[in-house]
């Protein structure tokens, strides 16, 4: 601690401020503080931008529409026997322009909202899979879930592809019946 000397008048004397030539103040600490603040702001900006990069493609739709089989064909290159999903499947899809993370969201009514909310802010595009065989029986559920996705603000400006799956089956409806 600095010792304060008192003048004969009882007032404390202030030590002289460090100054350069001709009585100017030393600006080094101020410039150093400005540089530290600038570097901190740049690092936070880069970190936030990297964190919010949209790299996922969501594969979503109702139960038993064929999302997981499609996921395994795209990511693994082969058909795998699949069952009703209770958690998301994640995989990397190699494209000519780089890598995309493909996320297969469960179609069960109680699970799909939770996983959709978890991944929607990282989404670059949405693939909505429709079962062409059962679409007429489940039209209300399909329309409701598709509306939920399209009305979400996080998805508003992103591409959404509606994929009519199971077209190889005899009772499958054509794209003319499934049009929005």
N, C-alpha and C. Protein backbone atom coordinates (compact mmCIF):
# COMPACT_ATOMS: atom_id res chain seq x y z
N UNK A 1 0.84 -1.17 0.00
CA UNK A 1 0.00 0.00 0.00
C UNK A 1 0.89 1.23 0.00
N UNK A 2 0.44 2.23 -0.71
CA UNK A 2 1.24 3.43 -0.88
C UNK A 2 1.06 4.36 0.32
N UNK A 3 2.11 4.92 0.73
CA UNK A 3 2.07 5.83 1.87
C UNK A 3 1.68 7.22 1.38
N UNK A 4 0.72 7.84 2.05
CA UNK A 4 0.26 9.18 1.67
C UNK A 4 0.93 10.18 2.58
N UNK A 5 1.59 11.13 1.98
CA UNK A 5 2.22 12.22 2.74
C UNK A 5 1.27 13.39 2.84
N UNK A 6 1.24 13.99 3.97
CA UNK A 6 0.37 15.15 4.16
C UNK A 6 1.19 16.43 4.05
N UNK A 7 0.60 17.41 3.39
CA UNK A 7 1.21 18.73 3.28
C UNK A 7 1.02 19.48 4.59
N UNK A 8 1.74 20.53 4.76
CA UNK A 8 1.56 21.30 5.99
C UNK A 8 0.13 21.79 6.16
N UNK A 9 -0.65 21.93 5.12
CA UNK A 9 -2.03 22.40 5.22
C UNK A 9 -2.98 21.28 5.62
N UNK A 10 -2.53 20.04 5.77
CA UNK A 10 -3.37 18.92 6.17
C UNK A 10 -3.97 18.14 5.01
N UNK A 11 -3.75 18.60 3.82
CA UNK A 11 -4.29 17.90 2.65
C UNK A 11 -3.30 16.85 2.19
N UNK A 12 -3.84 15.67 1.77
CA UNK A 12 -2.91 14.65 1.29
C UNK A 12 -2.32 15.04 -0.06
N UNK A 13 -1.07 14.68 -0.26
CA UNK A 13 -0.44 14.97 -1.54
C UNK A 13 -0.62 13.76 -2.46
N UNK A 14 -0.90 14.00 -3.72
CA UNK A 14 -1.14 12.96 -4.71
C UNK A 14 0.17 12.70 -5.43
N UNK A 15 0.56 11.41 -5.53
CA UNK A 15 1.79 11.14 -6.26
C UNK A 15 1.62 11.49 -7.73
N UNK A 16 2.66 11.88 -8.39
CA UNK A 16 2.54 12.26 -9.80
C UNK A 16 2.19 11.05 -10.67
N UNK A 17 1.37 11.29 -11.71
CA UNK A 17 0.97 10.26 -12.66
C UNK A 17 2.12 10.04 -13.63
N UNK A 18 2.32 8.73 -13.97
CA UNK A 18 3.38 8.43 -14.92
C UNK A 18 3.07 9.09 -16.25
N UNK A 19 4.01 9.77 -16.75
CA UNK A 19 3.77 10.45 -18.02
C UNK A 19 5.01 10.34 -18.88
N UNK A 20 4.77 10.46 -20.13
CA UNK A 20 5.86 10.38 -21.11
C UNK A 20 6.47 11.75 -21.30
N UNK A 21 7.09 11.94 -22.42
CA UNK A 21 7.70 13.25 -22.70
C UNK A 21 6.63 14.34 -22.79
N UNK A 22 6.98 15.47 -22.34
CA UNK A 22 6.13 16.68 -22.39
C UNK A 22 4.86 16.51 -21.58
N UNK A 23 4.83 15.67 -20.53
CA UNK A 23 3.69 15.57 -19.63
C UNK A 23 2.51 14.78 -20.17
N UNK A 24 2.66 13.94 -21.20
CA UNK A 24 1.58 13.14 -21.75
C UNK A 24 1.37 11.87 -20.92
N UNK A 25 0.10 11.39 -20.88
CA UNK A 25 -0.21 10.16 -20.16
C UNK A 25 0.26 8.94 -20.95
N UNK A 26 0.60 7.87 -20.25
CA UNK A 26 1.01 6.62 -20.87
C UNK A 26 -0.26 5.87 -21.31
N UNK A 27 -0.46 5.67 -22.60
CA UNK A 27 -1.67 5.05 -23.17
C UNK A 27 -1.54 3.53 -23.33
N UNK A 28 -0.42 2.95 -22.96
CA UNK A 28 -0.21 1.51 -23.14
C UNK A 28 -1.28 0.67 -22.45
N UNK A 29 -1.62 0.91 -21.18
CA UNK A 29 -2.66 0.08 -20.55
C UNK A 29 -4.03 0.20 -21.23
N UNK A 30 -4.35 1.36 -21.73
CA UNK A 30 -5.64 1.56 -22.39
C UNK A 30 -5.67 0.78 -23.71
N UNK A 31 -4.60 0.88 -24.49
CA UNK A 31 -4.55 0.13 -25.74
C UNK A 31 -4.56 -1.37 -25.50
N UNK A 32 -3.89 -1.81 -24.47
CA UNK A 32 -3.88 -3.23 -24.12
C UNK A 32 -5.28 -3.70 -23.76
N UNK A 33 -6.02 -2.91 -23.00
CA UNK A 33 -7.40 -3.26 -22.62
C UNK A 33 -8.30 -3.31 -23.86
N UNK A 34 -8.15 -2.39 -24.77
CA UNK A 34 -8.94 -2.37 -26.00
C UNK A 34 -8.66 -3.62 -26.83
N UNK A 35 -7.41 -4.01 -26.93
CA UNK A 35 -7.04 -5.21 -27.70
C UNK A 35 -7.63 -6.46 -27.05
N UNK A 36 -7.56 -6.57 -25.73
CA UNK A 36 -8.11 -7.73 -25.02
C UNK A 36 -9.62 -7.82 -25.24
N UNK A 37 -10.33 -6.71 -25.15
CA UNK A 37 -11.78 -6.70 -25.38
C UNK A 37 -12.10 -7.10 -26.81
N UNK A 38 -11.36 -6.59 -27.77
CA UNK A 38 -11.58 -6.92 -29.18
C UNK A 38 -11.36 -8.41 -29.44
N UNK A 39 -10.27 -8.96 -28.94
CA UNK A 39 -9.99 -10.38 -29.12
C UNK A 39 -11.07 -11.24 -28.47
N UNK A 40 -11.54 -10.86 -27.29
CA UNK A 40 -12.60 -11.60 -26.60
C UNK A 40 -13.89 -11.59 -27.42
N UNK A 41 -14.27 -10.46 -27.95
CA UNK A 41 -15.48 -10.36 -28.77
C UNK A 41 -15.34 -11.21 -30.03
N UNK A 42 -14.19 -11.20 -30.67
CA UNK A 42 -13.98 -12.02 -31.86
C UNK A 42 -14.06 -13.50 -31.54
N UNK A 43 -13.47 -13.94 -30.45
CA UNK A 43 -13.53 -15.35 -30.06
C UNK A 43 -14.96 -15.78 -29.76
N UNK A 44 -15.72 -14.94 -29.07
CA UNK A 44 -17.12 -15.26 -28.79
C UNK A 44 -17.93 -15.33 -30.08
N UNK A 45 -17.68 -14.46 -31.00
CA UNK A 45 -18.39 -14.46 -32.28
C UNK A 45 -18.10 -15.74 -33.07
N UNK A 46 -16.82 -16.12 -33.15
CA UNK A 46 -16.44 -17.34 -33.87
C UNK A 46 -17.05 -18.57 -33.19
N UNK A 47 -17.01 -18.62 -31.87
CA UNK A 47 -17.57 -19.75 -31.13
C UNK A 47 -19.07 -19.87 -31.36
N UNK A 48 -19.79 -18.75 -31.31
CA UNK A 48 -21.23 -18.78 -31.51
C UNK A 48 -21.57 -19.17 -32.94
N UNK A 49 -20.84 -18.67 -33.89
CA UNK A 49 -21.10 -18.99 -35.29
C UNK A 49 -20.84 -20.47 -35.56
N UNK A 50 -19.77 -21.00 -35.01
CA UNK A 50 -19.48 -22.42 -35.21
C UNK A 50 -20.53 -23.29 -34.55
N UNK A 51 -21.01 -22.86 -33.39
CA UNK A 51 -22.01 -23.62 -32.66
C UNK A 51 -23.36 -23.64 -33.37
N UNK A 52 -23.69 -22.55 -34.06
CA UNK A 52 -25.00 -22.46 -34.69
C UNK A 52 -24.99 -22.85 -36.16
N UNK A 53 -23.90 -23.44 -36.63
CA UNK A 53 -23.84 -23.87 -38.03
C UNK A 53 -24.87 -24.97 -38.28
N UNK A 54 -25.61 -24.81 -39.33
CA UNK A 54 -26.65 -25.79 -39.67
C UNK A 54 -26.04 -26.85 -40.58
N UNK A 55 -25.91 -28.06 -40.03
CA UNK A 55 -25.28 -29.14 -40.79
C UNK A 55 -26.14 -30.39 -40.84
N UNK A 56 -27.28 -30.42 -40.17
CA UNK A 56 -28.08 -31.64 -40.08
C UNK A 56 -29.18 -31.66 -41.13
N UNK A 57 -29.48 -32.86 -41.59
CA UNK A 57 -30.66 -33.10 -42.42
C UNK A 57 -31.56 -34.02 -41.60
N UNK A 58 -32.77 -33.54 -41.30
CA UNK A 58 -33.71 -34.33 -40.50
C UNK A 58 -34.52 -35.24 -41.39
N UNK A 59 -34.60 -36.47 -40.99
CA UNK A 59 -35.42 -37.48 -41.65
C UNK A 59 -36.58 -37.75 -40.71
N UNK A 60 -37.77 -37.26 -41.07
CA UNK A 60 -38.89 -37.34 -40.14
C UNK A 60 -40.17 -37.76 -40.85
N UNK A 61 -41.15 -38.15 -40.06
CA UNK A 61 -42.43 -38.62 -40.58
C UNK A 61 -43.12 -39.45 -39.51
N UNK A 62 -44.25 -40.05 -39.85
CA UNK A 62 -44.99 -40.87 -38.89
C UNK A 62 -44.31 -42.23 -38.69
N UNK A 63 -44.81 -42.97 -37.72
CA UNK A 63 -44.34 -44.34 -37.46
C UNK A 63 -44.52 -45.21 -38.70
N UNK A 64 -43.61 -46.12 -38.88
CA UNK A 64 -43.67 -47.13 -39.95
C UNK A 64 -43.73 -46.54 -41.36
N UNK A 65 -43.14 -45.36 -41.53
CA UNK A 65 -43.12 -44.80 -42.89
C UNK A 65 -41.85 -45.19 -43.63
N UNK A 66 -40.90 -45.83 -42.95
CA UNK A 66 -39.69 -46.31 -43.60
C UNK A 66 -38.48 -45.42 -43.43
N UNK A 67 -38.50 -44.55 -42.43
CA UNK A 67 -37.39 -43.62 -42.21
C UNK A 67 -36.09 -44.33 -41.86
N UNK A 68 -36.15 -45.29 -40.95
CA UNK A 68 -34.93 -45.95 -40.48
C UNK A 68 -34.31 -46.80 -41.58
N UNK A 69 -35.11 -47.46 -42.38
CA UNK A 69 -34.58 -48.24 -43.50
C UNK A 69 -33.93 -47.31 -44.52
N UNK A 70 -34.57 -46.19 -44.81
CA UNK A 70 -34.00 -45.20 -45.71
C UNK A 70 -32.69 -44.65 -45.14
N UNK A 71 -32.66 -44.39 -43.84
CA UNK A 71 -31.46 -43.93 -43.16
C UNK A 71 -30.32 -44.93 -43.33
N UNK A 72 -30.59 -46.20 -43.10
CA UNK A 72 -29.53 -47.21 -43.21
C UNK A 72 -29.05 -47.36 -44.65
N UNK A 73 -29.95 -47.21 -45.62
CA UNK A 73 -29.53 -47.29 -47.01
C UNK A 73 -28.64 -46.11 -47.40
N UNK A 74 -28.97 -44.92 -46.90
CA UNK A 74 -28.18 -43.74 -47.24
C UNK A 74 -26.83 -43.71 -46.52
N UNK A 75 -26.83 -44.04 -45.23
CA UNK A 75 -25.60 -43.93 -44.44
C UNK A 75 -24.71 -45.16 -44.58
N UNK A 76 -25.31 -46.34 -44.49
CA UNK A 76 -24.52 -47.58 -44.51
C UNK A 76 -24.40 -48.20 -45.91
N UNK A 77 -25.29 -47.79 -46.80
CA UNK A 77 -25.26 -48.33 -48.15
C UNK A 77 -25.86 -49.72 -48.26
N UNK A 78 -26.59 -50.16 -47.26
CA UNK A 78 -27.21 -51.48 -47.29
C UNK A 78 -28.50 -51.46 -46.49
N UNK A 79 -29.37 -52.42 -46.80
CA UNK A 79 -30.63 -52.53 -46.06
C UNK A 79 -30.40 -53.28 -44.76
N UNK A 80 -30.88 -52.72 -43.69
CA UNK A 80 -30.83 -53.38 -42.38
C UNK A 80 -32.26 -53.56 -41.90
N UNK A 81 -32.51 -54.68 -41.24
CA UNK A 81 -33.84 -54.88 -40.67
C UNK A 81 -34.05 -53.83 -39.58
N UNK A 82 -35.19 -53.18 -39.61
CA UNK A 82 -35.43 -52.11 -38.63
C UNK A 82 -36.72 -52.35 -37.87
N UNK A 83 -36.77 -51.72 -36.73
CA UNK A 83 -37.93 -51.80 -35.84
C UNK A 83 -38.33 -50.38 -35.48
N UNK A 84 -39.44 -50.24 -34.80
CA UNK A 84 -39.88 -48.91 -34.39
C UNK A 84 -38.82 -48.26 -33.51
N UNK A 85 -38.38 -47.08 -33.91
CA UNK A 85 -37.30 -46.39 -33.19
C UNK A 85 -37.83 -45.73 -31.93
N UNK A 86 -37.03 -45.78 -30.89
CA UNK A 86 -37.37 -45.06 -29.65
C UNK A 86 -36.34 -43.99 -29.35
N UNK A 87 -35.29 -43.92 -30.17
CA UNK A 87 -34.31 -42.84 -30.06
C UNK A 87 -33.85 -42.49 -31.46
N UNK A 88 -33.20 -41.35 -31.58
CA UNK A 88 -32.76 -40.89 -32.88
C UNK A 88 -31.57 -41.71 -33.36
N UNK A 89 -31.41 -41.79 -34.66
CA UNK A 89 -30.24 -42.40 -35.28
C UNK A 89 -29.44 -41.29 -35.94
N UNK A 90 -28.14 -41.29 -35.72
CA UNK A 90 -27.26 -40.27 -36.29
C UNK A 90 -26.25 -40.93 -37.20
N UNK A 91 -25.99 -40.32 -38.33
CA UNK A 91 -24.99 -40.84 -39.26
C UNK A 91 -24.48 -39.73 -40.16
N UNK A 92 -23.31 -39.97 -40.75
CA UNK A 92 -22.70 -38.99 -41.64
C UNK A 92 -22.90 -39.45 -43.07
N UNK A 93 -23.39 -38.55 -43.87
CA UNK A 93 -23.66 -38.81 -45.29
C UNK A 93 -22.63 -38.05 -46.11
N UNK A 94 -21.85 -38.78 -46.91
CA UNK A 94 -20.84 -38.15 -47.77
C UNK A 94 -21.50 -37.65 -49.05
N UNK A 95 -21.29 -36.39 -49.37
CA UNK A 95 -21.82 -35.82 -50.60
C UNK A 95 -20.65 -35.23 -51.39
N UNK A 96 -20.93 -34.79 -52.60
CA UNK A 96 -19.86 -34.19 -53.42
C UNK A 96 -19.39 -32.86 -52.86
N UNK A 97 -20.26 -32.19 -52.11
CA UNK A 97 -19.89 -30.89 -51.54
C UNK A 97 -19.45 -30.97 -50.08
N UNK A 98 -19.31 -32.16 -49.54
CA UNK A 98 -18.86 -32.31 -48.16
C UNK A 98 -19.67 -33.35 -47.41
N UNK A 99 -19.70 -33.17 -46.11
CA UNK A 99 -20.41 -34.11 -45.24
C UNK A 99 -21.67 -33.47 -44.68
N UNK A 100 -22.70 -34.28 -44.53
CA UNK A 100 -23.93 -33.87 -43.85
C UNK A 100 -24.22 -34.88 -42.76
N UNK A 101 -24.73 -34.40 -41.66
CA UNK A 101 -25.15 -35.31 -40.60
C UNK A 101 -26.63 -35.60 -40.81
N UNK A 102 -26.96 -36.85 -40.98
CA UNK A 102 -28.34 -37.28 -41.18
C UNK A 102 -28.90 -37.73 -39.84
N UNK A 103 -30.06 -37.19 -39.47
CA UNK A 103 -30.69 -37.50 -38.19
C UNK A 103 -32.05 -38.12 -38.47
N UNK A 104 -32.20 -39.38 -38.07
CA UNK A 104 -33.47 -40.12 -38.22
C UNK A 104 -34.24 -39.96 -36.91
N UNK A 105 -35.34 -39.20 -36.97
CA UNK A 105 -36.14 -38.91 -35.77
C UNK A 105 -37.24 -39.96 -35.65
N UNK A 106 -37.47 -40.50 -34.45
CA UNK A 106 -38.56 -41.47 -34.27
C UNK A 106 -39.90 -40.86 -34.66
N UNK A 107 -40.78 -41.69 -35.21
CA UNK A 107 -42.07 -41.20 -35.67
C UNK A 107 -43.19 -41.32 -34.65
N UNK A 108 -42.91 -41.94 -33.52
CA UNK A 108 -43.96 -42.12 -32.51
C UNK A 108 -44.41 -40.75 -32.02
N UNK A 109 -45.71 -40.60 -31.85
CA UNK A 109 -46.31 -39.32 -31.49
C UNK A 109 -45.71 -38.70 -30.22
N UNK A 110 -45.39 -39.52 -29.25
CA UNK A 110 -44.86 -39.00 -27.98
C UNK A 110 -43.39 -38.63 -28.06
N UNK A 111 -42.67 -39.13 -29.04
CA UNK A 111 -41.23 -38.90 -29.13
C UNK A 111 -40.84 -37.88 -30.18
N UNK A 112 -41.57 -37.80 -31.28
CA UNK A 112 -41.12 -36.98 -32.40
C UNK A 112 -41.01 -35.50 -32.08
N UNK A 113 -41.91 -34.98 -31.25
CA UNK A 113 -41.82 -33.56 -30.89
C UNK A 113 -40.57 -33.24 -30.09
N UNK A 114 -40.23 -34.11 -29.17
CA UNK A 114 -39.04 -33.92 -28.33
C UNK A 114 -37.77 -33.88 -29.19
N UNK A 115 -37.63 -34.86 -30.08
CA UNK A 115 -36.43 -34.93 -30.91
C UNK A 115 -36.42 -33.84 -31.98
N UNK A 116 -37.58 -33.50 -32.51
CA UNK A 116 -37.64 -32.41 -33.48
C UNK A 116 -37.19 -31.10 -32.84
N UNK A 117 -37.66 -30.82 -31.63
CA UNK A 117 -37.24 -29.60 -30.93
C UNK A 117 -35.75 -29.60 -30.63
N UNK A 118 -35.20 -30.77 -30.38
CA UNK A 118 -33.77 -30.89 -30.05
C UNK A 118 -32.88 -30.57 -31.26
N UNK A 119 -33.31 -30.95 -32.45
CA UNK A 119 -32.46 -30.82 -33.63
C UNK A 119 -32.86 -29.71 -34.60
N UNK A 120 -33.99 -29.07 -34.42
CA UNK A 120 -34.48 -28.13 -35.43
C UNK A 120 -33.56 -26.92 -35.64
N UNK A 121 -32.85 -26.49 -34.62
CA UNK A 121 -31.98 -25.32 -34.77
C UNK A 121 -30.66 -25.66 -35.45
N UNK A 122 -30.35 -26.92 -35.61
CA UNK A 122 -29.14 -27.36 -36.31
C UNK A 122 -29.44 -27.85 -37.71
N UNK A 123 -30.70 -27.75 -38.11
CA UNK A 123 -31.17 -28.35 -39.35
C UNK A 123 -30.87 -27.48 -40.57
N UNK A 124 -30.40 -28.15 -41.61
CA UNK A 124 -30.13 -27.50 -42.88
C UNK A 124 -31.28 -27.78 -43.87
N UNK A 125 -31.91 -28.95 -43.72
CA UNK A 125 -33.03 -29.34 -44.58
C UNK A 125 -33.84 -30.43 -43.87
N UNK A 126 -35.09 -30.61 -44.31
CA UNK A 126 -35.97 -31.62 -43.72
C UNK A 126 -36.46 -32.53 -44.83
N UNK A 127 -36.40 -33.84 -44.57
CA UNK A 127 -37.00 -34.83 -45.46
C UNK A 127 -38.17 -35.43 -44.70
N UNK A 128 -39.38 -35.16 -45.18
CA UNK A 128 -40.59 -35.67 -44.54
C UNK A 128 -41.02 -36.92 -45.31
N UNK A 129 -40.96 -38.07 -44.65
CA UNK A 129 -41.25 -39.36 -45.30
C UNK A 129 -42.71 -39.72 -45.07
N UNK A 130 -43.41 -40.02 -46.17
CA UNK A 130 -44.82 -40.41 -46.14
C UNK A 130 -44.93 -41.85 -46.61
N UNK A 131 -45.67 -42.67 -45.89
CA UNK A 131 -45.95 -44.04 -46.30
C UNK A 131 -47.04 -44.00 -47.36
N UNK A 132 -46.70 -44.32 -48.59
CA UNK A 132 -47.65 -44.24 -49.71
C UNK A 132 -48.77 -45.25 -49.62
N UNK A 133 -48.59 -46.31 -48.84
CA UNK A 133 -49.61 -47.35 -48.73
C UNK A 133 -50.71 -46.93 -47.75
N UNK A 134 -50.34 -46.35 -46.62
CA UNK A 134 -51.31 -46.03 -45.57
C UNK A 134 -51.64 -44.54 -45.48
N UNK A 135 -51.25 -43.77 -46.46
CA UNK A 135 -51.43 -42.32 -46.37
C UNK A 135 -52.90 -41.91 -46.25
N UNK A 136 -53.81 -42.62 -46.92
CA UNK A 136 -55.22 -42.22 -46.84
C UNK A 136 -55.81 -42.50 -45.47
N UNK A 137 -55.36 -43.55 -44.80
CA UNK A 137 -55.85 -43.84 -43.45
C UNK A 137 -55.29 -42.86 -42.42
N UNK A 138 -54.09 -42.39 -42.64
CA UNK A 138 -53.41 -41.54 -41.66
C UNK A 138 -53.29 -40.10 -42.12
N UNK A 139 -54.14 -39.68 -43.04
CA UNK A 139 -53.99 -38.36 -43.65
C UNK A 139 -54.04 -37.23 -42.64
N UNK A 140 -54.89 -37.34 -41.62
CA UNK A 140 -54.97 -36.28 -40.60
C UNK A 140 -53.68 -36.16 -39.79
N UNK A 141 -53.14 -37.31 -39.39
CA UNK A 141 -51.89 -37.29 -38.63
C UNK A 141 -50.73 -36.76 -39.48
N UNK A 142 -50.69 -37.19 -40.74
CA UNK A 142 -49.63 -36.73 -41.65
C UNK A 142 -49.73 -35.22 -41.82
N UNK A 143 -50.94 -34.74 -42.11
CA UNK A 143 -51.14 -33.31 -42.32
C UNK A 143 -50.82 -32.50 -41.07
N UNK A 144 -51.22 -33.01 -39.91
CA UNK A 144 -50.98 -32.30 -38.65
C UNK A 144 -49.48 -32.19 -38.37
N UNK A 145 -48.75 -33.29 -38.51
CA UNK A 145 -47.32 -33.27 -38.24
C UNK A 145 -46.58 -32.42 -39.27
N UNK A 146 -46.96 -32.52 -40.54
CA UNK A 146 -46.32 -31.70 -41.57
C UNK A 146 -46.59 -30.22 -41.33
N UNK A 147 -47.80 -29.87 -40.92
CA UNK A 147 -48.12 -28.49 -40.60
C UNK A 147 -47.27 -28.00 -39.42
N UNK A 148 -47.10 -28.84 -38.41
CA UNK A 148 -46.27 -28.48 -37.25
C UNK A 148 -44.85 -28.15 -37.69
N UNK A 149 -44.32 -28.94 -38.59
CA UNK A 149 -42.95 -28.70 -39.08
C UNK A 149 -42.89 -27.42 -39.90
N UNK A 150 -43.82 -27.26 -40.83
CA UNK A 150 -43.79 -26.09 -41.73
C UNK A 150 -44.07 -24.78 -40.99
N UNK A 151 -44.84 -24.84 -39.90
CA UNK A 151 -45.18 -23.63 -39.15
C UNK A 151 -44.09 -23.22 -38.15
N UNK A 152 -43.13 -24.07 -37.91
CA UNK A 152 -42.08 -23.77 -36.95
C UNK A 152 -41.15 -22.70 -37.52
N UNK A 153 -40.84 -21.69 -36.73
CA UNK A 153 -40.01 -20.57 -37.18
C UNK A 153 -38.59 -20.98 -37.50
N UNK A 154 -38.07 -22.01 -36.84
CA UNK A 154 -36.70 -22.47 -37.09
C UNK A 154 -36.58 -23.15 -38.45
N UNK A 155 -37.69 -23.61 -39.01
CA UNK A 155 -37.69 -24.34 -40.29
C UNK A 155 -38.22 -23.46 -41.43
N UNK A 156 -38.75 -22.29 -41.11
CA UNK A 156 -39.48 -21.46 -42.07
C UNK A 156 -38.75 -21.24 -43.40
N UNK A 157 -37.45 -21.00 -43.39
CA UNK A 157 -36.73 -20.68 -44.62
C UNK A 157 -35.86 -21.83 -45.13
N UNK A 158 -36.12 -23.02 -44.64
CA UNK A 158 -35.31 -24.17 -45.03
C UNK A 158 -36.05 -25.03 -46.06
N UNK A 159 -35.31 -25.76 -46.88
CA UNK A 159 -35.98 -26.65 -47.83
C UNK A 159 -36.59 -27.85 -47.13
N UNK A 160 -37.81 -28.21 -47.53
CA UNK A 160 -38.51 -29.38 -47.01
C UNK A 160 -38.88 -30.25 -48.20
N UNK A 161 -38.42 -31.50 -48.17
CA UNK A 161 -38.70 -32.46 -49.22
C UNK A 161 -39.71 -33.46 -48.68
N UNK A 162 -40.77 -33.70 -49.45
CA UNK A 162 -41.75 -34.73 -49.06
C UNK A 162 -41.47 -35.95 -49.91
N UNK A 163 -41.09 -37.02 -49.24
CA UNK A 163 -40.69 -38.25 -49.93
C UNK A 163 -41.79 -39.29 -49.79
N UNK A 164 -42.32 -39.74 -50.90
CA UNK A 164 -43.36 -40.78 -50.90
C UNK A 164 -42.67 -42.13 -50.92
N UNK A 165 -42.63 -42.79 -49.80
CA UNK A 165 -41.92 -44.06 -49.64
C UNK A 165 -42.84 -45.25 -49.95
N UNK A 166 -42.25 -46.40 -50.16
CA UNK A 166 -42.94 -47.68 -50.40
C UNK A 166 -43.73 -47.65 -51.71
N UNK A 167 -43.20 -46.99 -52.71
CA UNK A 167 -43.85 -46.92 -54.02
C UNK A 167 -43.82 -48.25 -54.76
N UNK A 168 -42.99 -49.18 -54.30
CA UNK A 168 -42.89 -50.47 -54.97
C UNK A 168 -44.00 -51.44 -54.57
N UNK A 169 -44.79 -51.11 -53.56
CA UNK A 169 -45.87 -52.00 -53.12
C UNK A 169 -47.10 -51.78 -54.00
N UNK A 170 -47.90 -52.84 -54.13
CA UNK A 170 -49.03 -52.79 -55.07
C UNK A 170 -50.13 -51.82 -54.65
N UNK A 171 -50.37 -51.63 -53.37
CA UNK A 171 -51.43 -50.74 -52.92
C UNK A 171 -50.97 -49.30 -52.69
N UNK A 172 -49.75 -48.98 -53.10
CA UNK A 172 -49.20 -47.64 -52.89
C UNK A 172 -49.94 -46.61 -53.73
N UNK A 173 -50.17 -45.46 -53.14
CA UNK A 173 -50.81 -44.35 -53.85
C UNK A 173 -49.73 -43.57 -54.60
N UNK A 174 -50.09 -43.07 -55.75
CA UNK A 174 -49.16 -42.29 -56.55
C UNK A 174 -49.01 -40.88 -56.02
N UNK A 175 -48.10 -40.16 -56.60
CA UNK A 175 -47.85 -38.79 -56.13
C UNK A 175 -49.03 -37.85 -56.40
N UNK A 176 -49.87 -38.19 -57.37
CA UNK A 176 -51.07 -37.38 -57.65
C UNK A 176 -52.07 -37.42 -56.50
N UNK A 177 -52.17 -38.54 -55.80
CA UNK A 177 -53.08 -38.67 -54.66
C UNK A 177 -52.50 -37.99 -53.42
N UNK A 178 -51.20 -37.98 -53.31
CA UNK A 178 -50.54 -37.49 -52.09
C UNK A 178 -50.22 -35.99 -52.16
N UNK A 179 -50.41 -35.35 -53.28
CA UNK A 179 -50.10 -33.93 -53.41
C UNK A 179 -50.72 -33.11 -52.30
N UNK A 180 -50.01 -32.09 -51.92
CA UNK A 180 -50.48 -31.21 -50.84
C UNK A 180 -51.54 -30.28 -51.37
